[in-house]
Every structure is written in structure tokens, then in C-alpha cells.
Protein backbone atom coordinates (compact mmCIF):
# COMPACT_ATOMS: atom_id res chain seq x y z
CA GLY A 1 -27.67 -32.66 -57.72
CA GLU A 2 -25.41 -30.01 -56.22
CA ALA A 3 -22.12 -29.34 -57.96
CA GLU A 4 -19.03 -30.52 -56.11
CA TRP A 5 -16.43 -28.05 -54.89
CA THR A 6 -13.49 -27.76 -57.19
CA LYS A 7 -9.96 -28.07 -55.88
CA ALA A 8 -9.35 -24.35 -56.47
CA GLU A 9 -12.50 -23.43 -54.55
CA ARG A 10 -11.55 -25.65 -51.59
CA GLU A 11 -8.08 -24.08 -51.47
CA GLN A 12 -9.60 -20.61 -51.59
CA ILE A 13 -11.96 -21.40 -48.69
CA ALA A 14 -9.08 -22.92 -46.72
CA ASN A 15 -7.03 -19.75 -47.27
CA ILE A 16 -9.94 -17.57 -46.11
CA ALA A 17 -10.39 -19.71 -42.98
CA THR A 18 -6.66 -19.46 -42.22
CA VAL A 19 -6.66 -15.67 -42.62
CA LEU A 20 -9.70 -15.32 -40.33
CA ALA A 21 -8.13 -17.58 -37.69
CA VAL A 22 -4.85 -15.62 -37.76
CA ALA A 23 -6.77 -12.33 -37.56
CA MET A 24 -8.69 -13.53 -34.49
CA VAL A 25 -5.52 -14.69 -32.78
CA LEU A 26 -3.81 -11.36 -33.47
CA ASP A 27 -6.87 -9.47 -32.22
CA GLN A 28 -6.97 -11.48 -29.01
CA ARG A 29 -3.24 -11.00 -28.51
CA ARG A 30 -3.71 -7.23 -28.91
CA LEU A 31 -6.45 -7.27 -26.27
CA TRP A 32 -4.19 -9.33 -24.00
CA GLU A 33 -1.33 -6.84 -24.36
CA GLU A 34 -3.68 -3.92 -23.64
CA ALA A 35 -4.92 -5.70 -20.52
CA VAL A 36 -1.33 -6.31 -19.36
CA GLN A 37 -0.46 -2.64 -19.81
CA ALA A 38 -3.60 -1.50 -17.95
CA SER A 39 -2.95 -3.93 -15.10
CA SER A 40 0.69 -2.86 -14.92
CA LEU A 41 -0.42 0.75 -14.53
CA ARG A 42 -2.91 -0.28 -11.81
CA ILE A 43 -0.24 -2.20 -9.91
CA MET A 44 2.22 0.68 -10.17
CA LEU A 45 -0.43 3.11 -8.90
CA SER A 46 -1.46 0.91 -5.97
CA GLU A 47 2.15 0.32 -4.92
CA THR A 48 2.96 4.03 -5.19
CA LEU A 49 -0.08 4.85 -3.05
CA HIS A 50 1.13 2.31 -0.50
CA GLN A 51 4.52 4.03 -0.26
CA VAL A 52 2.97 7.50 -0.09
CA LYS A 53 0.68 6.40 2.75
CA ASN A 54 3.67 5.01 4.64
CA SER A 55 5.44 8.36 4.34
CA LEU A 56 2.31 10.22 5.44
CA SER A 57 2.01 7.94 8.47
CA ALA A 58 5.57 8.84 9.45
CA VAL A 59 4.84 12.57 9.05
CA ARG A 60 1.71 12.26 11.19
CA MET A 61 3.70 10.38 13.82
CA PHE A 62 6.32 13.13 13.91
CA GLY A 63 3.54 15.69 14.38
CA LYS A 64 2.00 13.74 17.26
CA LEU A 65 5.38 13.32 18.98
CA LEU A 66 6.04 17.02 18.54
CA LEU A 67 2.75 17.86 20.24
CA ARG A 68 3.54 15.45 23.05
CA ARG A 69 6.98 16.98 23.68
CA LEU A 70 6.10 20.67 23.35
CA PRO A 71 5.12 22.44 26.60
CA ASN A 72 1.56 23.69 26.83
CA ASP A 73 2.66 27.32 26.95
CA ASP A 74 4.50 27.08 23.61
CA GLN A 75 1.40 27.93 21.64
CA MET A 76 3.16 29.00 18.43
CA ASN A 77 5.00 25.73 17.90
CA ARG A 78 2.03 23.68 19.07
CA GLU A 79 -0.10 25.31 16.40
CA LEU A 80 2.54 24.43 13.79
CA ALA A 81 2.50 20.81 14.96
CA LYS A 82 -1.29 20.76 14.77
CA ASP A 83 -1.11 22.14 11.23
CA ILE A 84 1.19 19.24 10.27
CA LEU A 85 -1.43 16.79 11.52
CA ILE A 86 -4.30 18.62 9.82
CA GLN A 87 -2.55 18.74 6.45
CA SER A 88 -1.46 15.09 6.77
CA ASP A 89 -5.04 14.05 7.45
CA ARG A 90 -6.18 16.12 4.49
CA LEU A 91 -3.72 14.34 2.19
CA VAL A 92 -4.94 10.98 3.48
CA ASP A 93 -8.54 11.99 2.77
CA LEU A 94 -7.57 12.99 -0.77
CA LEU A 95 -5.88 9.64 -1.37
CA LEU A 96 -8.67 7.46 0.03
CA PRO A 97 -10.99 7.67 -3.04
CA ILE A 98 -8.07 6.88 -5.36
CA ASP A 99 -7.02 3.97 -3.17
CA ALA A 100 -10.57 2.59 -3.07
CA THR A 101 -10.88 2.84 -6.87
CA VAL A 102 -7.57 1.05 -7.43
CA ARG A 103 -8.49 -1.74 -5.02
CA ALA A 104 -11.89 -2.19 -6.64
CA SER A 105 -10.37 -2.67 -10.09
CA ALA A 106 -8.96 -6.17 -10.49
CA PRO A 107 -6.98 -7.32 -13.52
CA SER A 108 -9.07 -9.42 -15.90
CA LEU A 109 -8.50 -10.83 -19.33
CA PRO A 110 -10.82 -9.29 -21.95
CA ALA A 111 -13.40 -11.72 -23.31
CA SER A 112 -12.23 -13.32 -26.53
CA ARG A 113 -14.15 -12.45 -29.66
CA ALA A 114 -13.29 -15.88 -30.92
CA GLY A 115 -15.25 -17.75 -28.27
CA ARG A 116 -13.14 -20.77 -27.38
CA LEU A 117 -10.07 -19.52 -29.19
CA ALA A 118 -7.14 -19.42 -26.78
CA LEU A 119 -3.70 -17.91 -26.95
CA PRO A 120 -0.67 -20.19 -27.12
CA PRO A 121 0.62 -21.09 -23.64
CA ARG A 122 3.16 -18.67 -22.20
CA ALA A 123 6.70 -19.86 -21.75
CA LYS A 124 7.75 -20.60 -18.19
CA PRO A 125 10.18 -18.14 -16.56
CA ALA A 126 13.83 -19.04 -16.96
CA ALA A 127 15.43 -20.97 -14.15
CA GLY A 128 17.07 -18.89 -11.46
CA ARG A 129 14.60 -16.01 -11.50
CA GLY A 130 13.06 -17.00 -8.18
CA ARG A 131 14.53 -16.38 -4.79
CA GLU A 132 17.47 -18.52 -3.83
CA GLN A 133 16.91 -20.80 -0.87
CA LYS A 134 19.42 -21.73 1.81
CA GLY A 135 18.75 -25.29 2.84
CA ALA A 136 15.49 -27.16 3.24
CA PRO A 137 12.62 -25.56 5.17
CA ARG A 138 12.39 -26.64 8.78
CA GLU A 139 9.17 -27.86 10.34
CA ASP A 140 8.78 -24.68 12.42
CA SER A 141 10.45 -22.26 10.04
CA ALA A 142 10.46 -21.68 6.31
CA LYS A 143 11.97 -19.23 3.87
CA ALA A 144 9.27 -17.22 2.15
CA ARG A 145 9.24 -17.85 -1.58
CA ARG A 146 8.09 -15.60 -4.36
CA GLY A 147 4.69 -16.30 -5.84
CA GLY A 148 1.48 -17.75 -4.50
CA ALA A 149 -1.04 -20.46 -5.02
CA GLY A 150 -2.36 -20.19 -8.52
CA GLY A 151 -3.21 -17.02 -10.45
CA ASP A 152 -3.96 -16.53 -14.10
CA GLY A 153 -1.55 -15.90 -16.94
CA LEU A 154 -2.39 -12.21 -17.03
CA GLU A 155 -1.30 -11.68 -13.44
CA GLU A 156 1.96 -13.54 -14.10
CA ALA A 157 2.60 -11.43 -17.19
CA VAL A 158 1.96 -8.24 -15.25
CA GLN A 159 4.32 -9.29 -12.46
CA GLU A 160 7.11 -10.07 -14.91
CA LEU A 161 6.58 -6.73 -16.64
CA ARG A 162 6.63 -4.99 -13.26
CA VAL A 163 9.95 -6.63 -12.32
CA GLU A 164 11.49 -5.56 -15.61
CA GLN A 165 10.31 -1.99 -15.05
CA GLN A 166 11.77 -1.95 -11.53
CA GLN A 167 15.07 -3.34 -12.76
CA ALA A 168 15.24 -0.65 -15.43
CA ALA A 169 14.40 2.00 -12.83
CA VAL A 170 17.18 0.79 -10.54
CA VAL A 171 19.73 0.93 -13.35
CA SER A 172 18.51 4.33 -14.53
CA ARG A 173 18.42 5.94 -11.10
CA GLY A 174 21.68 4.29 -10.11
CA LYS A 175 23.46 6.32 -12.81
CA GLY A 176 22.92 9.39 -10.67
CA ASN A 177 24.65 7.72 -7.75
CA ALA A 178 28.40 8.26 -7.52
CA GLY A 179 29.90 5.15 -9.09
CA GLY A 180 26.76 3.20 -8.18
CA TRP A 181 28.16 2.45 -4.70
CA CYS A 182 25.78 2.89 -1.79
CA ASP A 183 26.41 3.24 1.94
CA ALA A 184 23.42 1.42 3.45
CA SER A 185 23.62 3.12 6.85
CA GLU A 186 23.50 6.51 5.20
CA ALA A 187 20.76 5.50 2.78
CA ILE A 188 18.40 4.21 5.46
CA ALA A 189 19.11 6.95 8.04
CA PRO A 190 15.72 8.62 7.39
CA VAL A 191 14.03 5.23 7.74
CA VAL A 192 15.70 4.70 11.11
CA SER A 193 14.60 8.16 12.30
CA ALA A 194 11.01 7.48 11.28
CA GLY A 195 11.15 4.06 12.95
CA GLN A 196 12.38 5.59 16.19
CA ALA A 197 9.51 8.07 16.17
CA ILE A 198 6.87 5.39 15.54
CA ALA A 199 8.40 3.10 18.17
CA GLU A 200 8.44 5.87 20.77
CA PHE A 201 4.81 6.74 20.10
CA ASP A 202 3.65 3.11 20.28
CA GLU A 203 5.95 2.31 23.25
CA VAL A 204 7.96 -0.25 21.32
CA SER A 205 11.61 -0.84 22.14
CA PHE A 206 13.57 -0.06 18.99
CA ASN A 207 17.28 -0.65 18.48
CA ALA A 208 19.30 0.09 15.34
CA ILE A 209 22.75 -1.52 15.05
CA LEU A 210 24.63 -0.02 12.11
CA ASP A 211 28.05 -1.62 11.66
CA PRO A 212 30.46 1.02 10.30
CA GLY A 213 32.40 -1.82 8.68
CA ALA A 214 29.43 -3.02 6.63
CA PRO A 215 30.40 -3.21 2.95
CA ARG A 216 29.06 -0.76 0.43
CA VAL A 217 27.03 -2.24 -2.40
CA ILE A 218 26.00 -1.21 -5.89
CA ALA A 219 22.44 -0.01 -5.36
CA ASP A 220 20.25 3.04 -5.62
CA PRO A 221 19.98 4.55 -2.10
CA ARG A 222 16.33 5.51 -2.67
CA VAL A 223 15.38 2.00 -3.74
CA LEU A 224 17.24 0.44 -0.82
CA SER A 225 15.60 2.90 1.58
CA GLU A 226 12.17 2.04 0.21
CA ALA A 227 12.77 -1.69 0.57
CA VAL A 228 13.95 -1.41 4.19
CA SER A 229 11.18 1.03 5.07
CA ASN A 230 8.51 -1.50 4.10
CA VAL A 231 10.08 -4.22 6.25
CA LEU A 232 10.56 -1.96 9.27
CA ASP A 233 7.04 -0.54 8.95
CA ASN A 234 5.61 -4.07 9.02
CA ALA A 235 7.69 -5.04 12.05
CA LEU A 236 6.61 -1.99 14.03
CA LYS A 237 2.95 -2.66 13.22
CA TYR A 238 2.74 -6.39 13.76
CA VAL A 239 5.01 -6.59 16.81
CA LEU A 240 2.01 -5.21 18.71
CA ILE A 241 0.31 -8.58 18.17
CA ARG A 242 1.77 -10.21 21.25
CA GLY A 243 0.57 -13.79 20.80
CA GLY A 244 1.79 -15.92 23.69
CA ALA A 245 4.36 -13.41 24.92
CA SER A 246 4.44 -12.59 28.60
CA PRO A 247 2.75 -9.28 29.49
CA ASP A 248 6.03 -8.27 31.12
CA VAL A 249 7.91 -8.54 27.80
CA LYS A 250 7.90 -5.22 25.98
CA PRO A 251 7.36 -5.25 22.19
CA ALA A 252 10.77 -4.91 20.57
CA VAL A 253 12.17 -4.43 17.08
CA CYS A 254 15.84 -4.53 16.11
CA LEU A 255 17.34 -3.40 12.80
CA THR A 256 20.89 -4.53 12.02
CA VAL A 257 23.15 -3.56 9.13
CA ARG A 258 26.30 -5.65 8.80
CA ARG A 259 28.50 -7.76 6.57
CA GLY A 260 26.82 -10.97 5.50
CA GLU A 261 27.05 -13.96 3.23
CA GLY A 262 24.67 -15.31 0.64
CA VAL A 263 24.44 -18.14 -1.85
CA GLY A 264 25.14 -17.45 -5.52
CA PRO A 265 23.26 -18.91 -8.51
CA ARG A 266 25.74 -21.79 -8.74
CA GLY A 267 25.79 -22.54 -5.04
CA GLY A 268 28.93 -20.58 -4.23
CA LYS A 269 29.26 -18.15 -1.36
CA LEU A 270 28.74 -14.43 -1.94
CA VAL A 271 30.00 -11.69 0.35
CA GLY A 272 27.85 -8.62 0.72
CA LEU A 273 25.53 -6.56 2.83
CA GLU A 274 23.02 -7.98 5.27
CA ILE A 275 20.10 -5.97 6.63
CA VAL A 276 18.08 -7.80 9.28
CA VAL A 277 14.86 -6.65 10.92
CA GLU A 278 13.75 -8.84 13.82
CA ASP A 279 10.81 -8.46 16.19
CA ASN A 280 9.38 -10.38 19.15
CA GLY A 281 5.78 -10.31 17.97
CA LYS A 282 3.61 -13.30 17.20
CA GLY A 283 5.43 -14.13 13.97
CA VAL A 284 3.80 -15.60 10.87
CA ALA A 285 1.76 -18.80 10.77
CA PRO A 286 3.90 -21.57 9.19
CA ASP A 287 1.29 -22.12 6.48
CA ASP A 288 1.46 -18.43 5.57
CA LEU A 289 5.24 -18.04 5.36
CA ASP A 290 5.46 -19.21 1.76
CA LEU A 291 2.72 -16.77 0.72
CA ILE A 292 3.66 -13.72 2.74
CA CYS A 293 5.36 -11.95 -0.19
CA THR A 294 2.43 -12.57 -2.52
CA ARG A 295 0.77 -9.38 -3.66
CA GLY A 296 -2.22 -8.55 -1.44
CA PHE A 297 -1.66 -11.42 1.01
CA ARG A 298 -1.63 -10.41 4.69
CA GLY A 299 -2.06 -13.71 6.47
CA ARG A 300 -5.21 -15.40 7.63
CA SER A 301 -5.09 -14.53 11.33
CA PRO A 302 -8.07 -12.53 12.68
CA GLU A 303 -5.56 -10.43 14.65
CA VAL A 304 -3.82 -9.34 11.44
CA GLU A 305 -7.09 -8.24 9.88
CA LYS A 306 -7.60 -5.73 12.70
CA ILE A 307 -4.42 -3.87 11.68
CA GLU A 308 -4.59 -1.52 8.72
CA GLY A 309 -2.62 -2.73 5.73
CA SER A 310 -2.75 -3.61 2.04
CA GLY A 311 -0.50 -6.66 1.75
CA LEU A 312 1.87 -4.79 -0.56
CA GLY A 313 4.87 -3.94 1.62
CA LEU A 314 6.81 -7.20 1.50
CA HIS A 315 5.67 -7.82 -2.07
CA ILE A 316 7.22 -4.51 -3.16
CA THR A 317 10.36 -5.13 -1.12
CA ASP A 318 10.74 -8.60 -2.64
CA HIS A 319 10.67 -7.19 -6.16
CA LEU A 320 12.98 -4.28 -5.36
CA VAL A 321 15.54 -6.51 -3.66
CA ARG A 322 15.57 -8.96 -6.56
CA ALA A 323 15.88 -6.02 -8.98
CA MET A 324 19.09 -5.11 -7.13
CA GLY A 325 20.36 -8.68 -7.43
CA GLY A 326 19.67 -9.59 -3.82
CA THR A 327 17.49 -11.99 -1.86
CA LEU A 328 14.76 -11.61 0.75
CA GLU A 329 14.31 -14.26 3.43
CA LEU A 330 11.78 -14.57 6.23
CA GLU A 331 11.71 -17.00 9.13
CA ASN A 332 10.05 -17.34 12.50
CA VAL A 333 12.35 -17.18 15.52
CA ALA A 334 12.10 -18.68 18.99
CA PRO A 335 10.41 -18.18 21.37
CA GLN A 336 8.35 -16.01 19.06
CA GLY A 337 8.84 -13.31 16.46
CA LEU A 338 9.83 -12.85 12.84
CA ARG A 339 13.22 -12.25 11.25
CA VAL A 340 13.40 -10.62 7.81
CA ARG A 341 16.77 -10.62 6.05
CA ILE A 342 17.77 -8.62 2.99
CA PHE A 343 21.03 -9.68 1.38
CA LEU A 344 22.74 -7.73 -1.39
CA PRO A 345 25.95 -9.02 -2.98
CA LYS A 346 28.87 -6.61 -2.79
CA GLY A 347 29.29 -6.46 -6.55
CA GLY A 348 25.62 -5.75 -7.21
CA LYS A 349 23.48 -7.53 -9.76
CA LYS A 350 25.34 -9.80 -12.17
CA LYS A 351 24.61 -9.32 -15.83
CA SER A 352 23.15 -12.38 -17.51
CA THR A 353 25.21 -13.82 -20.36
């Protein structure tokens, strides 16, 4: 008959099997990390394209307003305004293929060479990393929460990596800011100017209330400006969806900068800066409020689909605000409309201990 395995031979085979299993796990982990890095780059590129397109839209709007205001006999300046529009359109055309490529590439986990071999489960994020909520959601109004319904581990890993990168960027860029203190009204002045131009062109009533007594906060002015720009851009676009509003009611958007209060990690009150953007558009469907900050989500209304967008604006703002230690809240208002509130504590982001 066949000779039986000796104890030494069985131990040697067991050692070989263990080494092969460890090697496969390490190989799969390497592929996972490569996929996370590639997806992080894709997300960064798509979000940067989103911001660039927003800026280009503002430039094009300035050009159109300039043409509208210039008299017909001012040919020299009218030609300059036309050149602004032509070059803006050219930049958009150059970005379209890149944008299409980025959208077509979705993050996916590389196939495991080990067949059914799976990585160990990822640890859940530490408590307190989500957005703080103020009270229970009402039946007709809810605070939008970070995250969405489902998603694989790769997407979660990429999002966490993206947040860490944004936090590092805020700290790094904030070093160039005098003492780290930021005057919000000054930081968002270009955003307000662009908003006024867009509102005038689209015949939207726009009002900016900038309280001179609003507290300064520790934040990078460029990051704060980017966060507010996304919110205001959304309001000016979606306020044109009138819903059940009376035809006599003009679309309106209001941006307010003032002193505000928030809730700290331990439930205590925080004093800081409040930036509120409110419109009288159709608002957000109650079932969509909790998903509205999810990357790529734009709502499920057919009216929303008719308006150009990528579903990245509020997602980017959410991450930027949290990177600065603040909170982002959204709620529908009566009789109709949406209120978006950014709150930043006066002392800035608290270091974790």
C-alpha cells in the first residue's frame, strides 16, 4: 500500500499552505490598495472638473451680461466680450472629453487571484465622524446625513481617504492665512459677485446679507469660498424649478452670513459662523433629503434631470465643511424651498485626543 505521511512531512505541507495563503492575502491587499489610490485620483479629478466648470459658467455669464449691457455702437468692447464667450466655450469643449472619460470609469475592486479568498472586514469609522444632528427629523423636513444607501468597501475606503486628503489640504493651505483666521464676508465676496451676475441673467431675485458682526473663524478662505460657491450655484439653478409656486412669485435666493450656534460632539453649544443659503424653489423630496449629499446623487425628480449637473456640489461641500470642523444641514422650508446651513465653530476644528 501507499506509505503514510510522516509527521515532519505533514508539518512541511502545512507550512507551505500557510505561506501560500499569506502570500495570496498580501497580493489581494496590494491590489486593493492600488484600486483605492486609482479611485481616489479619479474622484479628485472629477471633483476638480466640477469646480472648474462652475468657474467657467460664471465667466461665461459675466461675458453674456457684458454683451447685454454694452451699447451696440461700442464695437471694441463688444468684441472683447464675445472673445470671452468664445474662449470659455473652447475651454468647455476641451474639458468635455476628460469629463466623459472620468464619468465612464467607475471604481471597482480587482478580481481576486485567490477565487473566494476575501480580505478581513474593514473596521467601522470611529463614532463622531458623521454629521451632527440637531433634534429628530420632522415628518416634512429632515437634516441631510452623510452617506447613502449601500456601497462597497472600496468606495467607503476611497471616501475616507478623500476626507483625510482634504483635511490635510485645509491645514496646509491655512498656514498661508494670517493666523488662520478668516473673514467669511471677504472670503466669499467673489462668490457673491458671481451669484449676482447669474441671478441677473436668469431673472432671479438675489439678496446677500453679510453681517459685519459675524465672527471670524479658523478656515482657509479658498476652501470656504469653494464650499459656499457650490451651495449658491445649486440654489440659483434649482430655484428655477417652481413646483407649486404661484406664477406671480419671482424665483428668489438669499445668502446670509451671521453669528450662529451649533451643537458640539458632547451636546454642548458652540458659538461660531453661520452661512445660510435659502431659496423658494421646489425644494427636495423628503425621501431624497438624506441622500442629497451622496456623491453623484441628484434626486429622482424628472425636473431635476433636465438641469445640467453632476451630483458633486453638495458632496464636495459636505466634505470640505467637515474638514474645517463644521456641519452642513439641509431642510425644506414652507411654503416651499430649501435652506442649506453651513456652521463653523469659532475656534475651528478641534484636535482629537
